[in-house]
Amino acid sequence: MQIKKTKNDIHSFCVNDFQKIYTTTTKEIMLDNEVIFRSEDGFQEIYCANSAAITNTINGIGIEIDLLSKEIKTLHDESLRYIDENFKITFENGKTKIYSKDNRLTAIKPLRIFKFILHKYTKCFVYYEGSYFDTSNHKINYSSLLDDKIFFSFPLASLGTFMDGVEETPYQVMEFSGIYQNILVCTLNSGGILLLDLQSGQMLEHFREVGIRTGVYQESDGSSRFLGLKHTTFIEIDVVERKVIRRINLESLFKELMNIPNETPCWFTAGTSIYKNGLFYFYGDRNVLVIFDPKSEKIIDHYNFKFEKTATQLKGGNGNLQVLNNEIYCLDTSGTLHIIEK
């Protein structure tokens, strides 16, 4: 791998087959090299879905962008949370509002929902409800996208608690990883993976020992297999067979990559990771970008970043590591976007 080019003053970015769009540290929105919008407030993270992009100003004003026509809409009373070809989700006055593609309000939830996943085939909405200050009432809700009906709620308290070090801790949802048919897959703060039946609301399986809190992805569209890579662990599960297919400790691979002696504990771990076209891309310690092939269980390439400022690091968060065709986009904490050619 080698750096093809860099782009400075980048705050966040999104690249897809329609466009490359950026918010900048100079408070602009850019399509490729063209400035299309400015705000004195600056912007939050930007997200894309097909030909649409959304962001918010620092003060919470929603900005919706058509990447093809470059048309921009502002929502002065609402901030934007999600958009796709059929639905848009916003926040207003502590509530979550769901709109259809024709901008018709279809549902209002009486709380700000940060963790959710859409079940598009059934026009339903899975979301996590729980207060940071009150962990006794955390639950997963399955509701309609077309009205305010809730079909079921699954209380995480029904799982009991787990030992986090020496402390007894209630379960919480970390990420919704995907839906296969009517099976919901989500990761937990314990490092376990939970499977729920969205028809009955019942738990199908709780993989307690997989050791992955985030970074689990469906292997491919229509597959019952889910793959995860985090820290020093790679896992593969089959949600129909309800079993762990593979669980691999990657320490020996990481030691070989970073020339760590066998007798030395492995200090290298996988942090931010994404899965694209059958490969995992992840950031490791000391600003290393790694490509891991889950089929061969091998590291197939890596790149060591060397920054001029010692304080500069690769910026964590999945949105700061993206892949488009043969290019990998990596943002650092100094606002430089590195475009790497595979």
C-alpha atoms as a PDB file:
ATOM      1  CA  MET A   1       0.000   0.000   0.000  1.00  0.00           C
ATOM      2  CA  GLN A   2       1.079   3.572  -0.617  1.00  0.00           C
ATOM      3  CA  ILE A   3      -0.339   7.053  -0.059  1.00  0.00           C
ATOM      4  CA  LYS A   4      -1.849   8.321  -3.299  1.00  0.00           C
ATOM      5  CA  LYS A   5      -2.676  11.825  -2.044  1.00  0.00           C
ATOM      6  CA  THR A   6      -3.714  13.778   1.033  1.00  0.00           C
ATOM      7  CA  LYS A   7      -6.362  16.391   1.735  1.00  0.00           C
ATOM      8  CA  ASN A   8      -5.972  18.912   4.559  1.00  0.00           C
ATOM      9  CA  ASP A   9      -8.392  20.671   6.936  1.00  0.00           C
ATOM     10  CA  ILE A  10     -10.887  17.773   6.971  1.00  0.00           C
ATOM     11  CA  HIS A  11     -13.232  17.375   9.931  1.00  0.00           C
ATOM     12  CA  SER A  12     -15.320  14.453   8.593  1.00  0.00           C
ATOM     13  CA  PHE A  13     -15.968  12.810   5.243  1.00  0.00           C
ATOM     14  CA  CYS A  14     -18.071  10.312   3.322  1.00  0.00           C
ATOM     15  CA  VAL A  15     -17.192   8.608   0.047  1.00  0.00           C
ATOM     16  CA  ASN A  16     -19.445   6.460  -2.113  1.00  0.00           C
ATOM     17  CA  ASP A  17     -20.191   5.748  -5.774  1.00  0.00           C
ATOM     18  CA  PHE A  18     -22.128   9.012  -6.102  1.00  0.00           C
ATOM     19  CA  GLN A  19     -19.760  11.589  -4.615  1.00  0.00           C
ATOM     20  CA  LYS A  20     -17.007  12.444  -2.181  1.00  0.00           C
ATOM     21  CA  ILE A  21     -18.203  14.920   0.432  1.00  0.00           C
ATOM     22  CA  TYR A  22     -16.354  16.560   3.316  1.00  0.00           C
ATOM     23  CA  THR A  23     -16.910  18.894   6.226  1.00  0.00           C
ATOM     24  CA  THR A  24     -13.829  20.987   6.925  1.00  0.00           C
ATOM     25  CA  THR A  25     -12.148  22.521   9.936  1.00  0.00           C
ATOM     26  CA  THR A  26     -12.702  25.858   8.155  1.00  0.00           C
ATOM     27  CA  LYS A  27     -16.503  25.394   8.553  1.00  0.00           C
ATOM     28  CA  GLU A  28     -17.350  24.412   4.978  1.00  0.00           C
ATOM     29  CA  ILE A  29     -19.076  21.540   3.204  1.00  0.00           C
ATOM     30  CA  MET A  30     -17.268  20.441   0.050  1.00  0.00           C
ATOM     31  CA  LEU A  31     -18.233  18.159  -2.827  1.00  0.00           C
ATOM     32  CA  ASP A  32     -14.870  17.021  -4.170  1.00  0.00           C
ATOM     33  CA  ASN A  33     -13.053  20.370  -4.380  1.00  0.00           C
ATOM     34  CA  GLU A  34     -16.127  22.610  -4.602  1.00  0.00           C
ATOM     35  CA  VAL A  35     -17.427  24.500  -1.562  1.00  0.00           C
ATOM     36  CA  ILE A  36     -21.237  24.180  -1.554  1.00  0.00           C
ATOM     37  CA  PHE A  37     -22.139  25.455   1.934  1.00  0.00           C
ATOM     38  CA  ARG A  38     -20.658  27.461   4.801  1.00  0.00           C
ATOM     39  CA  SER A  39     -21.683  27.941   8.417  1.00  0.00           C
ATOM     40  CA  GLU A  40     -20.198  30.189  11.059  1.00  0.00           C
ATOM     41  CA  ASP A  41     -20.938  27.446  13.602  1.00  0.00           C
ATOM     42  CA  GLY A  42     -19.060  24.577  11.961  1.00  0.00           C
ATOM     43  CA  PHE A  43     -20.373  21.050  11.462  1.00  0.00           C
ATOM     44  CA  GLN A  44     -20.773  17.696  13.171  1.00  0.00           C
ATOM     45  CA  GLU A  45     -20.019  14.375  11.443  1.00  0.00           C
ATOM     46  CA  ILE A  46     -21.346  13.837   7.910  1.00  0.00           C
ATOM     47  CA  TYR A  47     -23.090  10.647   6.727  1.00  0.00           C
ATOM     48  CA  CYS A  48     -24.081   9.364   3.271  1.00  0.00           C
ATOM     49  CA  ALA A  49     -26.705   6.986   1.944  1.00  0.00           C
ATOM     50  CA  ASN A  50     -26.708   6.524  -1.821  1.00  0.00           C
ATOM     51  CA  SER A  51     -27.268   9.994  -3.330  1.00  0.00           C
ATOM     52  CA  ALA A  52     -28.108  11.750  -0.036  1.00  0.00           C
ATOM     53  CA  ALA A  53     -25.880  13.137   2.712  1.00  0.00           C
ATOM     54  CA  ILE A  54     -26.728  14.609   6.105  1.00  0.00           C
ATOM     55  CA  THR A  55     -24.927  16.578   8.761  1.00  0.00           C
ATOM     56  CA  ASN A  56     -25.748  19.100  11.478  1.00  0.00           C
ATOM     57  CA  THR A  57     -24.213  22.370  12.502  1.00  0.00           C
ATOM     58  CA  ILE A  58     -22.568  22.486  15.918  1.00  0.00           C
ATOM     59  CA  ASN A  59     -25.774  24.169  17.136  1.00  0.00           C
ATOM     60  CA  GLY A  60     -27.917  21.252  15.903  1.00  0.00           C
ATOM     61  CA  ILE A  61     -29.383  22.650  12.663  1.00  0.00           C
ATOM     62  CA  GLY A  62     -29.971  19.760  10.248  1.00  0.00           C
ATOM     63  CA  ILE A  63     -28.406  19.949   6.769  1.00  0.00           C
ATOM     64  CA  GLU A  64     -29.690  17.598   4.055  1.00  0.00           C
ATOM     65  CA  ILE A  65     -27.799  17.420   0.746  1.00  0.00           C
ATOM     66  CA  ASP A  66     -28.747  15.853  -2.600  1.00  0.00           C
ATOM     67  CA  LEU A  67     -25.392  14.691  -3.950  1.00  0.00           C
ATOM     68  CA  LEU A  68     -26.605  14.662  -7.552  1.00  0.00           C
ATOM     69  CA  SER A  69     -28.368  18.016  -7.815  1.00  0.00           C
ATOM     70  CA  LYS A  70     -26.354  19.676  -4.981  1.00  0.00           C
ATOM     71  CA  GLU A  71     -29.651  20.891  -3.530  1.00  0.00           C
ATOM     72  CA  ILE A  72     -29.368  21.741   0.183  1.00  0.00           C
ATOM     73  CA  LYS A  73     -32.195  21.799   2.732  1.00  0.00           C
ATOM     74  CA  THR A  74     -31.874  23.146   6.262  1.00  0.00           C
ATOM     75  CA  LEU A  75     -34.012  22.034   9.200  1.00  0.00           C
ATOM     76  CA  HIS A  76     -33.805  24.870  11.703  1.00  0.00           C
ATOM     77  CA  ASP A  77     -35.806  23.133  14.452  1.00  0.00           C
ATOM     78  CA  GLU A  78     -34.552  19.585  13.965  1.00  0.00           C
ATOM     79  CA  SER A  79     -31.203  17.795  13.785  1.00  0.00           C
ATOM     80  CA  LEU A  80     -30.728  14.904  11.378  1.00  0.00           C
ATOM     81  CA  ARG A  81     -29.827  11.444  12.644  1.00  0.00           C
ATOM     82  CA  TYR A  82     -30.302   9.081   9.673  1.00  0.00           C
ATOM     83  CA  ILE A  83     -31.347   8.991   6.027  1.00  0.00           C
ATOM     84  CA  ASP A  84     -31.802   6.313   3.355  1.00  0.00           C
ATOM     85  CA  GLU A  85     -33.858   5.907   0.186  1.00  0.00           C
ATOM     86  CA  ASN A  86     -37.091   5.374   2.146  1.00  0.00           C
ATOM     87  CA  PHE A  87     -36.837   7.034   5.566  1.00  0.00           C
ATOM     88  CA  LYS A  88     -35.366   9.978   7.418  1.00  0.00           C
ATOM     89  CA  ILE A  89     -34.898  10.189  11.192  1.00  0.00           C
ATOM     90  CA  THR A  90     -34.549  13.462  13.103  1.00  0.00           C
ATOM     91  CA  PHE A  91     -34.333  14.748  16.686  1.00  0.00           C
ATOM     92  CA  GLU A  92     -36.538  17.560  17.969  1.00  0.00           C
ATOM     93  CA  ASN A  93     -37.122  18.651  21.575  1.00  0.00           C
ATOM     94  CA  GLY A  94     -35.957  15.357  23.056  1.00  0.00           C
ATOM     95  CA  LYS A  95     -38.032  13.233  20.653  1.00  0.00           C
ATOM     96  CA  THR A  96     -37.187  11.055  17.653  1.00  0.00           C
ATOM     97  CA  LYS A  97     -39.248  11.685  14.509  1.00  0.00           C
ATOM     98  CA  ILE A  98     -39.473   9.324  11.538  1.00  0.00           C
ATOM     99  CA  TYR A  99     -40.379  10.556   8.050  1.00  0.00           C
ATOM    100  CA  SER A 100     -41.190   8.624   4.881  1.00  0.00           C
ATOM    101  CA  LYS A 101     -39.409   9.406   1.597  1.00  0.00           C
ATOM    102  CA  ASP A 102     -42.161  11.880   0.648  1.00  0.00           C
ATOM    103  CA  ASN A 103     -41.395  13.819   3.872  1.00  0.00           C
ATOM    104  CA  ARG A 104     -44.553  12.600   5.618  1.00  0.00           C
ATOM    105  CA  LEU A 105     -44.197  12.226   9.395  1.00  0.00           C
ATOM    106  CA  THR A 106     -44.977   8.574  10.178  1.00  0.00           C
ATOM    107  CA  ALA A 107     -43.937   8.081  13.817  1.00  0.00           C
ATOM    108  CA  ILE A 108     -42.737   9.940  16.897  1.00  0.00           C
ATOM    109  CA  LYS A 109     -40.809   8.236  19.711  1.00  0.00           C
ATOM    110  CA  PRO A 110     -40.772  10.075  23.074  1.00  0.00           C
ATOM    111  CA  LEU A 111     -36.984   9.932  23.501  1.00  0.00           C
ATOM    112  CA  ARG A 112     -33.760  10.572  21.592  1.00  0.00           C
ATOM    113  CA  ILE A 113     -32.769   7.245  20.013  1.00  0.00           C
ATOM    114  CA  PHE A 114     -29.073   6.816  19.286  1.00  0.00           C
ATOM    115  CA  LYS A 115     -28.771   3.062  18.701  1.00  0.00           C
ATOM    116  CA  PHE A 116     -31.168   1.563  16.165  1.00  0.00           C
ATOM    117  CA  ILE A 117     -31.479  -0.513  13.011  1.00  0.00           C
ATOM    118  CA  LEU A 118     -34.191  -0.543  10.345  1.00  0.00           C
ATOM    119  CA  HIS A 119     -35.856  -3.777   9.252  1.00  0.00           C
ATOM    120  CA  LYS A 120     -36.744  -2.461   5.816  1.00  0.00           C
ATOM    121  CA  TYR A 121     -38.674  -5.484   4.556  1.00  0.00           C
ATOM    122  CA  THR A 122     -41.225  -5.267   7.359  1.00  0.00           C
ATOM    123  CA  LYS A 123     -41.093  -1.442   7.693  1.00  0.00           C
ATOM    124  CA  CYS A 124     -40.078  -1.877  11.319  1.00  0.00           C
ATOM    125  CA  PHE A 125     -37.594  -0.237  13.605  1.00  0.00           C
ATOM    126  CA  VAL A 126     -35.432  -1.821  16.310  1.00  0.00           C
ATOM    127  CA  TYR A 127     -34.049   0.562  18.889  1.00  0.00           C
ATOM    128  CA  TYR A 128     -32.275   0.520  22.220  1.00  0.00           C
ATOM    129  CA  GLU A 129     -33.821   2.334  25.167  1.00  0.00           C
ATOM    130  CA  GLY A 130     -31.834   2.928  28.297  1.00  0.00           C
ATOM    131  CA  SER A 131     -30.607   5.645  30.594  1.00  0.00           C
ATOM    132  CA  TYR A 132     -26.944   5.966  31.523  1.00  0.00           C
ATOM    133  CA  PHE A 133     -28.027   6.800  35.064  1.00  0.00           C
ATOM    134  CA  ASP A 134     -30.612   4.014  35.439  1.00  0.00           C
ATOM    135  CA  THR A 135     -29.406   0.670  34.064  1.00  0.00           C
ATOM    136  CA  SER A 136     -32.284  -1.332  35.544  1.00  0.00           C
ATOM    137  CA  ASN A 137     -34.700  -0.568  32.705  1.00  0.00           C
ATOM    138  CA  HIS A 138     -32.600  -1.055  29.560  1.00  0.00           C
ATOM    139  CA  LYS A 139     -34.502  -2.760  26.746  1.00  0.00           C
ATOM    140  CA  ILE A 140     -34.648  -3.482  23.034  1.00  0.00           C
ATOM    141  CA  ASN A 141     -37.858  -2.289  21.388  1.00  0.00           C
ATOM    142  CA  TYR A 142     -39.296  -3.526  18.095  1.00  0.00           C
ATOM    143  CA  SER A 143     -41.729  -1.027  16.634  1.00  0.00           C
ATOM    144  CA  SER A 144     -43.361   0.143  13.428  1.00  0.00           C
ATOM    145  CA  LEU A 145     -41.809   2.757  11.155  1.00  0.00           C
ATOM    146  CA  LEU A 146     -45.295   3.717   9.964  1.00  0.00           C
ATOM    147  CA  ASP A 147     -46.914   4.531  13.317  1.00  0.00           C
ATOM    148  CA  ASP A 148     -46.126   4.592  17.042  1.00  0.00           C
ATOM    149  CA  LYS A 149     -46.944   0.932  17.699  1.00  0.00           C
ATOM    150  CA  ILE A 150     -44.404  -1.126  19.700  1.00  0.00           C
ATOM    151  CA  PHE A 151     -44.676  -4.853  18.991  1.00  0.00           C
ATOM    152  CA  PHE A 152     -42.475  -6.021  21.864  1.00  0.00           C
ATOM    153  CA  SER A 153     -39.808  -4.955  24.305  1.00  0.00           C
ATOM    154  CA  PHE A 154     -37.003  -7.242  25.406  1.00  0.00           C
ATOM    155  CA  PRO A 155     -35.661  -6.306  28.877  1.00  0.00           C
ATOM    156  CA  LEU A 156     -31.907  -6.750  29.165  1.00  0.00           C
ATOM    157  CA  ALA A 157     -32.377  -7.290  32.904  1.00  0.00           C
ATOM    158  CA  SER A 158     -33.735 -10.729  31.965  1.00  0.00           C
ATOM    159  CA  LEU A 159     -30.156 -11.724  31.094  1.00  0.00           C
ATOM    160  CA  GLY A 160     -29.036 -11.107  34.672  1.00  0.00           C
ATOM    161  CA  THR A 161     -25.639  -9.488  35.217  1.00  0.00           C
ATOM    162  CA  PHE A 162     -22.010 -10.270  34.421  1.00  0.00           C
ATOM    163  CA  MET A 163     -18.714  -9.737  36.226  1.00  0.00           C
ATOM    164  CA  ASP A 164     -16.738  -6.855  34.729  1.00  0.00           C
ATOM    165  CA  GLY A 165     -13.504  -7.302  36.647  1.00  0.00           C
ATOM    166  CA  VAL A 166     -14.668  -7.429  40.246  1.00  0.00           C
ATOM    167  CA  GLU A 167     -17.874  -5.486  39.634  1.00  0.00           C
ATOM    168  CA  GLU A 168     -21.281  -6.996  38.903  1.00  0.00           C
ATOM    169  CA  THR A 169     -22.578  -5.145  35.845  1.00  0.00           C
ATOM    170  CA  PRO A 170     -25.942  -5.047  34.026  1.00  0.00           C
ATOM    171  CA  TYR A 171     -26.010  -5.830  30.310  1.00  0.00           C
ATOM    172  CA  GLN A 172     -26.217  -3.040  27.733  1.00  0.00           C
ATOM    173  CA  VAL A 173     -26.364  -3.002  23.931  1.00  0.00           C
ATOM    174  CA  MET A 174     -23.183  -1.768  22.251  1.00  0.00           C
ATOM    175  CA  GLU A 175     -24.163  -2.128  18.572  1.00  0.00           C
ATOM    176  CA  PHE A 176     -26.893  -3.543  16.367  1.00  0.00           C
ATOM    177  CA  SER A 177     -24.882  -5.638  13.916  1.00  0.00           C
ATOM    178  CA  GLY A 178     -27.624  -6.638  11.487  1.00  0.00           C
ATOM    179  CA  ILE A 179     -30.803  -8.588  10.801  1.00  0.00           C
ATOM    180  CA  TYR A 180     -30.933 -11.919   8.983  1.00  0.00           C
ATOM    181  CA  GLN A 181     -34.502 -12.827   8.071  1.00  0.00           C
ATOM    182  CA  ASN A 182     -36.183 -12.272  11.451  1.00  0.00           C
ATOM    183  CA  ILE A 183     -33.077 -12.712  13.599  1.00  0.00           C
ATOM    184  CA  LEU A 184     -31.616  -9.604  15.223  1.00  0.00           C
ATOM    185  CA  VAL A 185     -27.879  -9.670  15.975  1.00  0.00           C
ATOM    186  CA  CYS A 186     -26.418  -7.260  18.530  1.00  0.00           C
ATOM    187  CA  THR A 187     -23.260  -6.974  20.612  1.00  0.00           C
ATOM    188  CA  LEU A 188     -23.237  -6.369  24.365  1.00  0.00           C
ATOM    189  CA  ASN A 189     -20.971  -4.543  26.813  1.00  0.00           C
ATOM    190  CA  SER A 190     -19.972  -7.945  28.224  1.00  0.00           C
ATOM    191  CA  GLY A 191     -18.310  -8.902  24.926  1.00  0.00           C
ATOM    192  CA  GLY A 192     -21.166 -11.280  24.139  1.00  0.00           C
ATOM    193  CA  ILE A 193     -23.498 -11.459  21.146  1.00  0.00           C
ATOM    194  CA  LEU A 194     -27.278 -11.652  21.527  1.00  0.00           C
ATOM    195  CA  LEU A 195     -29.721 -13.143  18.981  1.00  0.00           C
ATOM    196  CA  LEU A 196     -33.397 -12.158  19.207  1.00  0.00           C
ATOM    197  CA  ASP A 197     -36.368 -13.521  17.261  1.00  0.00           C
ATOM    198  CA  LEU A 198     -38.194 -10.454  15.912  1.00  0.00           C
ATOM    199  CA  GLN A 199     -41.431 -12.418  15.444  1.00  0.00           C
ATOM    200  CA  SER A 200     -41.771 -13.687  18.994  1.00  0.00           C
ATOM    201  CA  GLY A 201     -39.547 -11.253  20.886  1.00  0.00           C
ATOM    202  CA  GLN A 202     -37.745 -14.202  22.459  1.00  0.00           C
ATOM    203  CA  MET A 203     -34.019 -14.706  22.894  1.00  0.00           C
ATOM    204  CA  LEU A 204     -32.638 -17.323  20.519  1.00  0.00           C
ATOM    205  CA  GLU A 205     -29.059 -17.388  21.743  1.00  0.00           C
ATOM    206  CA  HIS A 206     -26.620 -15.535  23.972  1.00  0.00           C
ATOM    207  CA  PHE A 207     -22.998 -16.147  22.988  1.00  0.00           C
ATOM    208  CA  ARG A 208     -21.408 -15.138  26.271  1.00  0.00           C
ATOM    209  CA  GLU A 209     -17.752 -15.942  25.613  1.00  0.00           C
ATOM    210  CA  VAL A 210     -16.967 -14.542  22.152  1.00  0.00           C
ATOM    211  CA  GLY A 211     -15.196 -11.484  23.547  1.00  0.00           C
ATOM    212  CA  ILE A 212     -16.259  -8.853  20.979  1.00  0.00           C
ATOM    213  CA  ARG A 213     -18.114  -5.671  21.961  1.00  0.00           C
ATOM    214  CA  THR A 214     -18.186  -3.934  18.560  1.00  0.00           C
ATOM    215  CA  GLY A 215     -17.153  -4.546  14.964  1.00  0.00           C
ATOM    216  CA  VAL A 216     -19.452  -7.447  13.977  1.00  0.00           C
ATOM    217  CA  TYR A 217     -20.729  -7.524  10.377  1.00  0.00           C
ATOM    218  CA  GLN A 218     -22.879  -9.737   8.164  1.00  0.00           C
ATOM    219  CA  GLU A 219     -20.568 -11.724   5.885  1.00  0.00           C
ATOM    220  CA  SER A 220     -22.588 -10.788   2.780  1.00  0.00           C
ATOM    221  CA  ASP A 221     -26.158  -9.882   1.851  1.00  0.00           C
ATOM    222  CA  GLY A 222     -28.406 -12.880   2.459  1.00  0.00           C
ATOM    223  CA  SER A 223     -25.821 -14.730   4.565  1.00  0.00           C
ATOM    224  CA  SER A 224     -26.574 -16.220   7.987  1.00  0.00           C
ATOM    225  CA  ARG A 225     -22.905 -15.837   8.919  1.00  0.00           C
ATOM    226  CA  PHE A 226     -21.626 -12.854  10.930  1.00  0.00           C
ATOM    227  CA  LEU A 227     -17.947 -11.981  11.357  1.00  0.00           C
ATOM    228  CA  GLY A 228     -16.215  -9.873  13.982  1.00  0.00           C
ATOM    229  CA  LEU A 229     -12.707  -8.586  14.611  1.00  0.00           C
ATOM    230  CA  LYS A 230     -11.611  -6.607  17.654  1.00  0.00           C
ATOM    231  CA  HIS A 231      -8.643  -6.445  20.036  1.00  0.00           C
ATOM    232  CA  THR A 232      -6.934  -9.823  19.406  1.00  0.00           C
ATOM    233  CA  THR A 233     -10.003 -11.893  18.503  1.00  0.00           C
ATOM    234  CA  PHE A 234     -11.665 -12.923  15.248  1.00  0.00           C
ATOM    235  CA  ILE A 235     -15.029 -14.688  15.403  1.00  0.00           C
ATOM    236  CA  GLU A 236     -17.525 -16.187  12.976  1.00  0.00           C
ATOM    237  CA  ILE A 237     -21.025 -17.225  14.038  1.00  0.00           C
ATOM    238  CA  ASP A 238     -23.973 -18.737  12.192  1.00  0.00           C
ATOM    239  CA  VAL A 239     -27.207 -17.221  13.473  1.00  0.00           C
ATOM    240  CA  VAL A 240     -29.428 -19.974  12.029  1.00  0.00           C
ATOM    241  CA  GLU A 241     -27.354 -22.832  13.405  1.00  0.00           C
ATOM    242  CA  ARG A 242     -26.850 -20.695  16.555  1.00  0.00           C
ATOM    243  CA  LYS A 243     -23.238 -21.659  16.998  1.00  0.00           C
ATOM    244  CA  VAL A 244     -19.737 -20.240  16.880  1.00  0.00           C
ATOM    245  CA  ILE A 245     -18.052 -21.462  13.699  1.00  0.00           C
ATOM    246  CA  ARG A 246     -14.634 -19.961  14.415  1.00  0.00           C
ATOM    247  CA  ARG A 247     -13.025 -18.087  17.297  1.00  0.00           C
ATOM    248  CA  ILE A 248      -9.362 -17.304  16.633  1.00  0.00           C
ATOM    249  CA  ASN A 249      -6.767 -15.626  18.811  1.00  0.00           C
ATOM    250  CA  LEU A 250      -4.751 -13.335  16.508  1.00  0.00           C
ATOM    251  CA  GLU A 251      -1.877 -12.604  18.898  1.00  0.00           C
ATOM    252  CA  SER A 252       0.635 -14.742  16.971  1.00  0.00           C
ATOM    253  CA  LEU A 253      -0.231 -12.915  13.728  1.00  0.00           C
ATOM    254  CA  PHE A 254       0.073  -9.547  15.430  1.00  0.00           C
ATOM    255  CA  LYS A 255       3.414 -10.444  17.029  1.00  0.00           C
ATOM    256  CA  GLU A 256       4.797 -11.496  13.647  1.00  0.00           C
ATOM    257  CA  LEU A 257       3.530  -8.274  12.030  1.00  0.00           C
ATOM    258  CA  MET A 258       5.066  -5.986  14.677  1.00  0.00           C
ATOM    259  CA  ASN A 259       8.179  -8.098  15.401  1.00  0.00           C
ATOM    260  CA  ILE A 260       7.141  -8.707  19.003  1.00  0.00           C
ATOM    261  CA  PRO A 261       9.176 -11.507  20.646  1.00  0.00           C
ATOM    262  CA  ASN A 262       7.171 -14.623  21.473  1.00  0.00           C
ATOM    263  CA  GLU A 263       7.987 -14.329  25.179  1.00  0.00           C
ATOM    264  CA  THR A 264       6.697 -10.718  25.268  1.00  0.00           C
ATOM    265  CA  PRO A 265       3.001 -10.025  25.877  1.00  0.00           C
ATOM    266  CA  CYS A 266       1.232  -8.841  22.736  1.00  0.00           C
ATOM    267  CA  TRP A 267       0.688  -5.078  23.037  1.00  0.00           C
ATOM    268  CA  PHE A 268      -0.719  -4.731  19.504  1.00  0.00           C
ATOM    269  CA  THR A 269      -4.525  -4.838  19.178  1.00  0.00           C
ATOM    270  CA  ALA A 270      -7.189  -4.115  16.559  1.00  0.00           C
ATOM    271  CA  GLY A 271      -9.161  -0.944  17.250  1.00  0.00           C
ATOM    272  CA  THR A 272     -11.450   0.754  14.732  1.00  0.00           C
ATOM    273  CA  SER A 273     -12.445  -1.897  12.166  1.00  0.00           C
ATOM    274  CA  ILE A 274     -14.678  -2.056   9.106  1.00  0.00           C
ATOM    275  CA  TYR A 275     -15.651  -4.933   6.816  1.00  0.00           C
ATOM    276  CA  LYS A 276     -15.814  -4.371   3.068  1.00  0.00           C
ATOM    277  CA  ASN A 277     -15.965  -6.809   0.134  1.00  0.00           C
ATOM    278  CA  GLY A 278     -14.881  -9.788   2.213  1.00  0.00           C
ATOM    279  CA  LEU A 279     -11.966  -8.097   4.006  1.00  0.00           C
ATOM    280  CA  PHE A 280     -11.440  -6.431   7.400  1.00  0.00           C
ATOM    281  CA  TYR A 281      -9.649  -3.096   7.532  1.00  0.00           C
ATOM    282  CA  PHE A 282      -8.556  -1.923  10.954  1.00  0.00           C
ATOM    283  CA  TYR A 283      -6.356   0.493  12.860  1.00  0.00           C
ATOM    284  CA  GLY A 284      -3.821  -1.063  15.181  1.00  0.00           C
ATOM    285  CA  ASP A 285      -1.616   0.447  17.873  1.00  0.00           C
ATOM    286  CA  ARG A 286       1.144   2.846  16.794  1.00  0.00           C
ATOM    287  CA  ASN A 287      -0.837   4.117  13.781  1.00  0.00           C
ATOM    288  CA  VAL A 288      -0.817   0.966  11.673  1.00  0.00           C
ATOM    289  CA  LEU A 289      -3.485   0.243   9.042  1.00  0.00           C
ATOM    290  CA  VAL A 290      -4.020  -3.492   8.524  1.00  0.00           C
ATOM    291  CA  ILE A 291      -5.993  -5.596   6.018  1.00  0.00           C
ATOM    292  CA  PHE A 292      -7.077  -9.013   7.303  1.00  0.00           C
ATOM    293  CA  ASP A 293      -8.567 -11.755   5.114  1.00  0.00           C
ATOM    294  CA  PRO A 294     -11.016 -13.864   7.184  1.00  0.00           C
ATOM    295  CA  LYS A 295     -11.025 -16.690   4.620  1.00  0.00           C
ATOM    296  CA  SER A 296      -7.282 -17.342   4.728  1.00  0.00           C
ATOM    297  CA  GLU A 297      -7.007 -16.029   8.319  1.00  0.00           C
ATOM    298  CA  LYS A 298      -3.995 -14.006   7.186  1.00  0.00           C
ATOM    299  CA  ILE A 299      -2.879 -10.377   7.228  1.00  0.00           C
ATOM    300  CA  ILE A 300      -2.555  -9.563   3.548  1.00  0.00           C
ATOM    301  CA  ASP A 301      -1.195  -6.016   3.789  1.00  0.00           C
ATOM    302  CA  HIS A 302      -0.432  -3.179   6.187  1.00  0.00           C
ATOM    303  CA  TYR A 303       0.746   0.420   6.203  1.00  0.00           C
ATOM    304  CA  ASN A 304       2.716   2.241   8.918  1.00  0.00           C
ATOM    305  CA  PHE A 305       1.836   5.919   9.192  1.00  0.00           C
ATOM    306  CA  LYS A 306       4.667   8.298  10.092  1.00  0.00           C
ATOM    307  CA  PHE A 307       3.322  11.652  11.274  1.00  0.00           C
ATOM    308  CA  GLU A 308       5.391  14.838  11.600  1.00  0.00           C
ATOM    309  CA  LYS A 309       3.734  15.704  14.925  1.00  0.00           C
ATOM    310  CA  THR A 310       4.147  13.040  17.581  1.00  0.00           C
ATOM    311  CA  ALA A 311       0.721  13.904  19.007  1.00  0.00           C
ATOM    312  CA  THR A 312      -1.027  13.089  15.703  1.00  0.00           C
ATOM    313  CA  GLN A 313      -2.815   9.748  15.567  1.00  0.00           C
ATOM    314  CA  LEU A 314      -5.260   7.952  13.313  1.00  0.00           C
ATOM    315  CA  LYS A 315      -8.712   9.187  14.303  1.00  0.00           C
ATOM    316  CA  GLY A 316     -10.899   6.468  15.799  1.00  0.00           C
ATOM    317  CA  GLY A 317     -14.507   5.776  14.799  1.00  0.00           C
ATOM    318  CA  ASN A 318     -15.759   3.814  11.803  1.00  0.00           C
ATOM    319  CA  GLY A 319     -16.624   6.974   9.871  1.00  0.00           C
ATOM    320  CA  ASN A 320     -12.936   7.935   9.841  1.00  0.00           C
ATOM    321  CA  LEU A 321     -11.894   4.772   8.001  1.00  0.00           C
ATOM    322  CA  GLN A 322     -13.640   4.126   4.681  1.00  0.00           C
ATOM    323  CA  VAL A 323     -12.983   2.090   1.538  1.00  0.00           C
ATOM    324  CA  LEU A 324     -14.063   2.934  -2.003  1.00  0.00           C
ATOM    325  CA  ASN A 325     -13.000   0.687  -4.876  1.00  0.00           C
ATOM    326  CA  ASN A 326      -9.206   0.412  -4.664  1.00  0.00           C
ATOM    327  CA  GLU A 327      -8.719   3.291  -2.232  1.00  0.00           C
ATOM    328  CA  ILE A 328      -8.660   3.453   1.578  1.00  0.00           C
ATOM    329  CA  TYR A 329      -9.505   6.775   3.247  1.00  0.00           C
ATOM    330  CA  CYS A 330      -7.943   7.390   6.671  1.00  0.00           C
ATOM    331  CA  LEU A 331      -8.434  10.583   8.709  1.00  0.00           C
ATOM    332  CA  ASP A 332      -5.939  11.647  11.353  1.00  0.00           C
ATOM    333  CA  THR A 333      -6.424  13.839  14.421  1.00  0.00           C
ATOM    334  CA  SER A 334      -4.667  16.791  12.746  1.00  0.00           C
ATOM    335  CA  GLY A 335      -7.353  16.976  10.041  1.00  0.00           C
ATOM    336  CA  THR A 336      -5.405  15.336   7.214  1.00  0.00           C
ATOM    337  CA  LEU A 337      -7.242  12.788   5.094  1.00  0.00           C
ATOM    338  CA  HIS A 338      -4.858  10.168   3.710  1.00  0.00           C
ATOM    339  CA  ILE A 339      -5.976   8.383   0.536  1.00  0.00           C
ATOM    340  CA  ILE A 340      -4.141   5.088   0.224  1.00  0.00           C
ATOM    341  CA  GLU A 341      -3.998   2.961  -2.881  1.00  0.00           C
ATOM    342  CA  LYS A 342      -4.135  -0.772  -2.305  1.00  0.00           C
END
